[in-house]
Amino acid sequence: GFYTTLLLTQTPELILTQTNNKAEILCELKEHTGVYWYRWSWKRQQFEFLVFSNTLGKATYGTNVSQDKFSVHEARSQSSCSLHIRHLHPSDSGTYYCSISQSSQLLLGSGTQLTVVDALPPKTTQTPVSKKPVPRKPKSKAASREG
């Protein structure tokens, strides 16, 4: 079975990026013998095994997984491991999980949602809309000090 656990901390939670960009997902972990990386593909609605990296830094790739696209970087302390993804494409969108095997269980990280789009929405200068309605005060001379 799959278990999420505090042994694995995955960051960031969300990545929104454009086609052909790169992404990096960091996984902080306690003791382990190797890290598995999985992707839940939104397009195909299935779990896909991407790569396994052992503590010696040797990577084993899943079938049809491009080594040019995915690479695993392990911190010297072995307390963190990151997955680098290059040449991003909308089909790479999905939820990525780091995972370790512990006492015959597969422990999953919290997951990182990666969304790859051809064009990012234009950045607007407006402040994000908060959920609470903001009462509009009538403009008075006293309130117009900012500027």
N, C-alpha and C. Protein backbone atom coordinates (compact mmCIF):
# COMPACT_ATOMS: atom_id res chain seq x y z
N GLY A 1 0.82 -1.20 0.00
CA GLY A 1 0.00 0.00 0.00
C GLY A 1 0.85 1.25 0.00
N PHE A 2 0.24 2.35 -0.30
CA PHE A 2 0.92 3.63 -0.29
C PHE A 2 0.62 4.36 1.02
N TYR A 3 1.63 4.95 1.58
CA TYR A 3 1.44 5.73 2.81
C TYR A 3 2.13 7.07 2.64
N THR A 4 1.48 8.13 3.04
CA THR A 4 2.22 9.38 3.11
C THR A 4 2.69 9.54 4.55
N THR A 5 3.82 10.17 4.70
CA THR A 5 4.46 10.16 5.99
C THR A 5 5.31 11.40 6.17
N LEU A 6 5.64 11.70 7.40
CA LEU A 6 6.47 12.86 7.69
C LEU A 6 7.95 12.56 7.44
N LEU A 7 8.26 11.31 7.09
CA LEU A 7 9.65 10.99 6.77
C LEU A 7 10.09 11.69 5.49
N LEU A 8 9.13 12.04 4.66
CA LEU A 8 9.43 12.67 3.38
C LEU A 8 8.77 14.03 3.32
N THR A 9 9.56 15.06 3.10
CA THR A 9 8.99 16.40 2.91
C THR A 9 9.32 16.82 1.50
N GLN A 10 8.29 17.13 0.75
CA GLN A 10 8.49 17.46 -0.66
C GLN A 10 8.14 18.92 -0.91
N THR A 11 8.98 19.63 -1.65
CA THR A 11 8.70 21.02 -1.99
C THR A 11 9.10 21.26 -3.44
N PRO A 12 8.47 22.21 -4.14
CA PRO A 12 7.28 22.95 -3.71
C PRO A 12 6.03 22.12 -3.92
N GLU A 13 4.90 22.66 -3.47
CA GLU A 13 3.64 21.94 -3.67
C GLU A 13 3.13 22.11 -5.09
N LEU A 14 3.39 23.28 -5.66
CA LEU A 14 2.86 23.60 -6.98
C LEU A 14 3.95 24.21 -7.85
N ILE A 15 3.99 23.79 -9.11
CA ILE A 15 4.87 24.44 -10.09
C ILE A 15 4.01 24.73 -11.32
N LEU A 16 4.05 25.98 -11.75
CA LEU A 16 3.40 26.34 -13.01
C LEU A 16 4.47 26.92 -13.90
N THR A 17 4.70 26.30 -15.04
CA THR A 17 5.79 26.74 -15.89
C THR A 17 5.43 26.55 -17.36
N GLN A 18 6.31 27.06 -18.22
CA GLN A 18 6.04 27.03 -19.65
C GLN A 18 6.79 25.90 -20.33
N THR A 19 6.27 25.51 -21.49
CA THR A 19 6.92 24.51 -22.34
C THR A 19 8.38 24.88 -22.56
N ASN A 20 9.23 23.85 -22.56
CA ASN A 20 10.68 23.97 -22.76
C ASN A 20 11.44 24.50 -21.55
N ASN A 21 10.74 24.87 -20.48
CA ASN A 21 11.43 25.30 -19.28
C ASN A 21 11.95 24.09 -18.50
N LYS A 22 12.57 24.37 -17.36
CA LYS A 22 13.05 23.32 -16.46
C LYS A 22 12.27 23.41 -15.16
N ALA A 23 12.26 22.31 -14.43
CA ALA A 23 11.64 22.32 -13.10
C ALA A 23 12.51 21.49 -12.17
N GLU A 24 12.45 21.82 -10.89
CA GLU A 24 13.18 21.05 -9.89
C GLU A 24 12.26 20.78 -8.72
N ILE A 25 12.23 19.54 -8.28
CA ILE A 25 11.41 19.14 -7.14
C ILE A 25 12.36 18.61 -6.07
N LEU A 26 12.22 19.14 -4.87
CA LEU A 26 13.13 18.75 -3.78
C LEU A 26 12.41 17.83 -2.81
N CYS A 27 13.11 16.80 -2.40
CA CYS A 27 12.56 15.86 -1.44
C CYS A 27 13.55 15.74 -0.28
N GLU A 28 13.10 16.11 0.91
CA GLU A 28 13.95 15.95 2.09
C GLU A 28 13.53 14.68 2.81
N LEU A 29 14.51 13.86 3.15
CA LEU A 29 14.16 12.58 3.72
C LEU A 29 15.12 12.18 4.82
N LYS A 30 14.59 11.32 5.67
CA LYS A 30 15.41 10.74 6.71
C LYS A 30 16.17 9.58 6.07
N GLU A 31 16.67 8.66 6.88
CA GLU A 31 17.50 7.59 6.34
C GLU A 31 16.77 6.82 5.24
N HIS A 32 17.54 6.42 4.24
CA HIS A 32 16.93 5.69 3.13
C HIS A 32 18.01 4.92 2.41
N THR A 33 17.60 3.97 1.59
CA THR A 33 18.55 3.21 0.78
C THR A 33 18.46 3.61 -0.68
N GLY A 34 17.54 4.49 -0.98
CA GLY A 34 17.37 4.95 -2.35
C GLY A 34 16.03 5.64 -2.49
N VAL A 35 15.94 6.48 -3.51
CA VAL A 35 14.72 7.28 -3.69
C VAL A 35 14.08 6.94 -5.03
N TYR A 36 12.80 6.67 -4.99
CA TYR A 36 12.02 6.43 -6.20
C TYR A 36 11.27 7.72 -6.54
N TRP A 37 11.14 7.99 -7.81
CA TRP A 37 10.33 9.13 -8.26
C TRP A 37 9.21 8.59 -9.15
N TYR A 38 7.99 9.00 -8.82
CA TYR A 38 6.82 8.58 -9.58
C TYR A 38 6.07 9.81 -10.07
N ARG A 39 5.30 9.61 -11.11
CA ARG A 39 4.41 10.68 -11.58
C ARG A 39 3.03 10.10 -11.76
N TRP A 40 2.05 10.82 -11.22
CA TRP A 40 0.65 10.51 -11.55
C TRP A 40 0.33 11.37 -12.76
N SER A 41 0.18 10.73 -13.91
CA SER A 41 -0.08 11.47 -15.14
C SER A 41 -1.56 11.83 -15.23
N TRP A 42 -1.84 13.14 -15.34
CA TRP A 42 -3.24 13.57 -15.46
C TRP A 42 -3.81 13.15 -16.80
N LYS A 43 -2.95 13.15 -17.81
CA LYS A 43 -3.41 12.83 -19.15
C LYS A 43 -3.79 11.35 -19.24
N ARG A 44 -2.92 10.49 -18.72
CA ARG A 44 -3.15 9.04 -18.85
C ARG A 44 -3.84 8.44 -17.63
N GLN A 45 -3.98 9.24 -16.57
CA GLN A 45 -4.63 8.76 -15.34
C GLN A 45 -3.98 7.48 -14.82
N GLN A 46 -2.67 7.50 -14.70
CA GLN A 46 -1.98 6.34 -14.16
C GLN A 46 -0.67 6.76 -13.50
N PHE A 47 -0.20 5.90 -12.59
CA PHE A 47 1.10 6.11 -11.96
C PHE A 47 2.18 5.65 -12.91
N GLU A 48 3.22 6.45 -13.03
CA GLU A 48 4.34 6.09 -13.89
C GLU A 48 5.61 6.14 -13.07
N PHE A 49 6.41 5.08 -13.15
CA PHE A 49 7.70 5.05 -12.48
C PHE A 49 8.69 5.80 -13.36
N LEU A 50 9.37 6.79 -12.78
CA LEU A 50 10.31 7.59 -13.57
C LEU A 50 11.74 7.12 -13.37
N VAL A 51 12.21 7.17 -12.13
CA VAL A 51 13.62 6.86 -11.90
C VAL A 51 13.84 6.46 -10.44
N PHE A 52 14.79 5.57 -10.23
CA PHE A 52 15.22 5.20 -8.89
C PHE A 52 16.68 5.59 -8.76
N SER A 53 17.02 6.25 -7.67
CA SER A 53 18.41 6.64 -7.43
C SER A 53 18.86 6.04 -6.10
N ASN A 54 19.92 5.24 -6.14
CA ASN A 54 20.39 4.65 -4.88
C ASN A 54 21.35 5.61 -4.19
N THR A 55 21.80 5.23 -3.00
CA THR A 55 22.62 6.14 -2.21
C THR A 55 23.99 6.38 -2.84
N LEU A 56 24.39 5.54 -3.78
CA LEU A 56 25.66 5.76 -4.48
C LEU A 56 25.47 6.71 -5.66
N GLY A 57 24.22 7.12 -5.87
CA GLY A 57 23.94 8.06 -6.95
C GLY A 57 23.72 7.39 -8.29
N LYS A 58 23.58 6.07 -8.30
CA LYS A 58 23.31 5.37 -9.55
C LYS A 58 21.82 5.41 -9.84
N ALA A 59 21.48 5.86 -11.03
CA ALA A 59 20.07 6.01 -11.38
C ALA A 59 19.61 4.87 -12.28
N THR A 60 18.41 4.38 -11.99
CA THR A 60 17.79 3.36 -12.82
C THR A 60 16.48 3.95 -13.34
N TYR A 61 16.34 4.01 -14.65
CA TYR A 61 15.19 4.68 -15.25
C TYR A 61 14.09 3.70 -15.60
N GLY A 62 12.86 4.21 -15.56
CA GLY A 62 11.72 3.41 -15.96
C GLY A 62 11.67 3.27 -17.48
N THR A 63 10.81 2.40 -17.96
CA THR A 63 10.70 2.20 -19.40
C THR A 63 10.21 3.48 -20.06
N ASN A 64 10.78 3.80 -21.20
CA ASN A 64 10.43 5.00 -21.97
C ASN A 64 10.65 6.31 -21.22
N VAL A 65 11.48 6.28 -20.18
CA VAL A 65 11.79 7.51 -19.47
C VAL A 65 13.12 8.04 -19.99
N SER A 66 13.11 9.27 -20.47
CA SER A 66 14.30 9.84 -21.10
C SER A 66 15.31 10.31 -20.06
N GLN A 67 16.54 9.80 -20.16
CA GLN A 67 17.59 10.23 -19.24
C GLN A 67 18.01 11.66 -19.53
N ASP A 68 17.72 12.10 -20.74
CA ASP A 68 18.04 13.48 -21.11
C ASP A 68 17.08 14.45 -20.41
N LYS A 69 15.92 13.94 -20.10
CA LYS A 69 14.86 14.79 -19.54
C LYS A 69 14.89 14.81 -18.01
N PHE A 70 15.07 13.63 -17.41
CA PHE A 70 15.01 13.51 -15.96
C PHE A 70 16.40 13.23 -15.39
N SER A 71 16.77 13.97 -14.37
CA SER A 71 18.01 13.63 -13.66
C SER A 71 17.80 13.84 -12.17
N VAL A 72 18.48 13.01 -11.38
CA VAL A 72 18.33 13.06 -9.93
C VAL A 72 19.64 13.57 -9.34
N HIS A 73 19.52 14.52 -8.44
CA HIS A 73 20.69 15.06 -7.78
C HIS A 73 20.55 14.83 -6.28
N GLU A 74 21.55 14.21 -5.72
CA GLU A 74 21.50 13.86 -4.30
C GLU A 74 22.41 14.81 -3.53
N ALA A 75 21.93 15.31 -2.41
CA ALA A 75 22.79 16.14 -1.58
C ALA A 75 23.84 15.26 -0.91
N ARG A 76 24.99 15.84 -0.61
CA ARG A 76 26.07 15.05 -0.03
C ARG A 76 25.64 14.40 1.29
N SER A 77 24.84 15.11 2.03
CA SER A 77 24.42 14.60 3.33
C SER A 77 23.40 13.47 3.19
N GLN A 78 22.91 13.29 1.96
CA GLN A 78 21.87 12.29 1.66
C GLN A 78 20.58 12.55 2.40
N SER A 79 20.43 13.78 2.91
CA SER A 79 19.17 14.09 3.58
C SER A 79 18.21 14.79 2.63
N SER A 80 18.68 15.05 1.42
CA SER A 80 17.76 15.59 0.43
C SER A 80 18.16 15.13 -0.95
N CYS A 81 17.18 15.11 -1.82
CA CYS A 81 17.35 14.58 -3.15
C CYS A 81 16.43 15.40 -4.05
N SER A 82 16.90 15.76 -5.23
CA SER A 82 16.02 16.55 -6.09
C SER A 82 15.92 15.94 -7.47
N LEU A 83 14.74 16.09 -8.04
CA LEU A 83 14.48 15.62 -9.39
C LEU A 83 14.48 16.84 -10.31
N HIS A 84 15.33 16.80 -11.33
CA HIS A 84 15.39 17.88 -12.31
C HIS A 84 14.73 17.39 -13.60
N ILE A 85 13.83 18.21 -14.12
CA ILE A 85 13.12 17.85 -15.35
C ILE A 85 13.40 18.95 -16.38
N ARG A 86 13.92 18.54 -17.53
CA ARG A 86 14.23 19.49 -18.60
C ARG A 86 13.26 19.33 -19.75
N HIS A 87 13.33 20.29 -20.68
CA HIS A 87 12.52 20.25 -21.91
C HIS A 87 11.07 19.94 -21.59
N LEU A 88 10.50 20.71 -20.69
CA LEU A 88 9.14 20.42 -20.23
C LEU A 88 8.13 20.55 -21.36
N HIS A 89 7.11 19.71 -21.28
CA HIS A 89 6.06 19.66 -22.28
C HIS A 89 4.74 19.53 -21.53
N PRO A 90 3.64 20.04 -22.09
CA PRO A 90 2.35 19.89 -21.37
C PRO A 90 2.04 18.45 -20.96
N SER A 91 2.55 17.47 -21.70
CA SER A 91 2.28 16.08 -21.34
C SER A 91 3.03 15.66 -20.07
N ASP A 92 3.99 16.50 -19.61
CA ASP A 92 4.68 16.20 -18.36
C ASP A 92 3.87 16.63 -17.14
N SER A 93 2.76 17.31 -17.39
CA SER A 93 1.93 17.77 -16.28
C SER A 93 1.43 16.58 -15.47
N GLY A 94 1.45 16.75 -14.15
CA GLY A 94 0.98 15.66 -13.30
C GLY A 94 1.43 15.93 -11.88
N THR A 95 1.20 14.96 -11.01
CA THR A 95 1.64 15.08 -9.62
C THR A 95 2.84 14.16 -9.43
N TYR A 96 3.94 14.76 -9.04
CA TYR A 96 5.20 14.02 -8.89
C TYR A 96 5.41 13.67 -7.42
N TYR A 97 5.86 12.45 -7.19
CA TYR A 97 6.08 11.98 -5.83
C TYR A 97 7.47 11.41 -5.68
N CYS A 98 8.15 11.78 -4.59
CA CYS A 98 9.34 11.03 -4.22
C CYS A 98 8.88 9.95 -3.25
N SER A 99 9.62 8.88 -3.19
CA SER A 99 9.16 7.73 -2.45
C SER A 99 10.36 6.94 -1.94
N ILE A 100 10.24 6.38 -0.76
CA ILE A 100 11.27 5.46 -0.28
C ILE A 100 10.61 4.18 0.19
N SER A 101 11.36 3.12 0.14
CA SER A 101 10.86 1.84 0.58
C SER A 101 11.33 1.62 2.01
N GLN A 102 10.40 1.38 2.90
CA GLN A 102 10.78 1.18 4.29
C GLN A 102 9.98 0.04 4.88
N SER A 103 10.68 -0.95 5.39
CA SER A 103 10.07 -2.17 5.94
C SER A 103 8.92 -2.63 5.05
N SER A 104 9.26 -2.87 3.81
CA SER A 104 8.37 -3.42 2.77
C SER A 104 7.14 -2.55 2.48
N GLN A 105 7.19 -1.30 2.90
CA GLN A 105 6.13 -0.37 2.50
C GLN A 105 6.74 0.68 1.60
N LEU A 106 5.93 1.19 0.70
CA LEU A 106 6.38 2.28 -0.13
C LEU A 106 5.82 3.57 0.46
N LEU A 107 6.71 4.44 0.93
CA LEU A 107 6.27 5.69 1.54
C LEU A 107 6.36 6.80 0.51
N LEU A 108 5.27 7.55 0.37
CA LEU A 108 5.23 8.61 -0.63
C LEU A 108 5.39 9.97 0.01
N GLY A 109 6.02 10.89 -0.71
CA GLY A 109 6.07 12.28 -0.28
C GLY A 109 4.71 12.92 -0.47
N SER A 110 4.64 14.20 -0.16
CA SER A 110 3.34 14.88 -0.19
C SER A 110 2.88 15.22 -1.60
N GLY A 111 3.80 15.12 -2.56
CA GLY A 111 3.41 15.36 -3.94
C GLY A 111 3.65 16.80 -4.39
N THR A 112 4.04 16.94 -5.65
CA THR A 112 4.23 18.26 -6.26
C THR A 112 3.42 18.29 -7.55
N GLN A 113 2.51 19.24 -7.63
CA GLN A 113 1.69 19.36 -8.83
C GLN A 113 2.43 20.22 -9.84
N LEU A 114 2.79 19.61 -10.96
CA LEU A 114 3.50 20.32 -12.02
C LEU A 114 2.53 20.56 -13.17
N THR A 115 2.36 21.82 -13.53
CA THR A 115 1.50 22.17 -14.65
C THR A 115 2.36 22.87 -15.70
N VAL A 116 2.39 22.31 -16.89
CA VAL A 116 3.17 22.89 -17.98
C VAL A 116 2.20 23.41 -19.03
N VAL A 117 2.33 24.69 -19.36
CA VAL A 117 1.44 25.30 -20.33
C VAL A 117 2.28 25.94 -21.45
N ASP A 118 1.69 26.04 -22.64
CA ASP A 118 2.40 26.66 -23.75
C ASP A 118 2.67 28.13 -23.50
N ALA A 119 1.70 28.79 -22.87
CA ALA A 119 1.89 30.20 -22.56
C ALA A 119 1.32 30.48 -21.19
N LEU A 120 2.09 31.17 -20.38
CA LEU A 120 1.60 31.53 -19.05
C LEU A 120 0.59 32.65 -19.18
N PRO A 121 -0.42 32.69 -18.30
CA PRO A 121 -1.36 33.81 -18.34
C PRO A 121 -0.60 35.10 -18.09
N PRO A 122 -1.00 36.19 -18.75
CA PRO A 122 -0.27 37.45 -18.57
C PRO A 122 -0.31 37.89 -17.11
N LYS A 123 0.83 38.36 -16.64
CA LYS A 123 0.90 38.83 -15.25
C LYS A 123 0.17 40.17 -15.17
N THR A 124 -0.80 40.24 -14.29
CA THR A 124 -1.51 41.50 -14.13
C THR A 124 -0.98 42.20 -12.90
N THR A 125 -1.11 43.51 -12.87
CA THR A 125 -0.60 44.27 -11.74
C THR A 125 -1.62 44.33 -10.61
N GLN A 126 -2.79 43.76 -10.85
CA GLN A 126 -3.82 43.80 -9.81
C GLN A 126 -3.41 42.91 -8.65
N THR A 127 -3.83 43.32 -7.47
CA THR A 127 -3.58 42.49 -6.29
C THR A 127 -4.52 41.30 -6.36
N PRO A 128 -4.08 40.15 -5.83
CA PRO A 128 -4.97 38.98 -5.87
C PRO A 128 -6.28 39.26 -5.15
N VAL A 129 -7.35 38.73 -5.70
CA VAL A 129 -8.67 38.98 -5.12
C VAL A 129 -8.81 38.13 -3.86
N SER A 130 -9.09 38.80 -2.76
CA SER A 130 -9.27 38.03 -1.53
C SER A 130 -10.70 37.54 -1.47
N LYS A 131 -10.93 36.53 -0.65
CA LYS A 131 -12.26 35.94 -0.61
C LYS A 131 -13.25 36.82 0.11
N LYS A 132 -12.76 37.61 1.06
CA LYS A 132 -13.68 38.49 1.78
C LYS A 132 -13.95 39.73 0.94
N PRO A 133 -15.20 40.11 0.81
CA PRO A 133 -15.47 41.34 0.06
C PRO A 133 -14.92 42.54 0.82
N VAL A 134 -14.25 43.41 0.11
CA VAL A 134 -13.68 44.59 0.75
C VAL A 134 -14.67 45.74 0.60
N PRO A 135 -15.12 46.32 1.73
CA PRO A 135 -16.07 47.44 1.61
C PRO A 135 -15.36 48.63 0.97
N ARG A 136 -16.02 49.22 -0.02
CA ARG A 136 -15.41 50.36 -0.70
C ARG A 136 -15.74 51.62 0.06
N LYS A 137 -14.69 52.29 0.55
CA LYS A 137 -14.92 53.53 1.27
C LYS A 137 -15.03 54.65 0.26
N PRO A 138 -15.94 55.59 0.51
CA PRO A 138 -16.01 56.74 -0.39
C PRO A 138 -14.70 57.52 -0.28
N LYS A 139 -14.23 58.03 -1.42
CA LYS A 139 -12.94 58.72 -1.41
C LYS A 139 -13.11 60.07 -0.70
N SER A 140 -12.30 60.23 0.32
CA SER A 140 -12.31 61.53 0.99
C SER A 140 -10.88 62.07 0.96
N LYS A 141 -10.73 63.37 1.22
CA LYS A 141 -9.39 63.95 1.14
C LYS A 141 -8.46 63.34 2.20
N ALA A 142 -9.01 62.95 3.32
CA ALA A 142 -8.18 62.41 4.39
C ALA A 142 -7.58 61.06 4.00
N ALA A 143 -8.33 60.29 3.21
CA ALA A 143 -7.88 58.94 2.88
C ALA A 143 -6.89 58.93 1.73
N SER A 144 -6.76 60.02 0.99
CA SER A 144 -5.92 59.98 -0.19
C SER A 144 -4.51 60.49 0.08
N ARG A 145 -3.92 59.98 1.18
CA ARG A 145 -2.58 60.41 1.52
C ARG A 145 -1.51 59.61 0.79
N GLU A 146 -1.85 58.35 0.42
CA GLU A 146 -0.83 57.54 -0.23
C GLU A 146 -0.54 58.07 -1.64
N GLY A 147 0.69 57.80 -2.11
CA GLY A 147 0.98 58.21 -3.46
C GLY A 147 2.36 58.76 -3.61
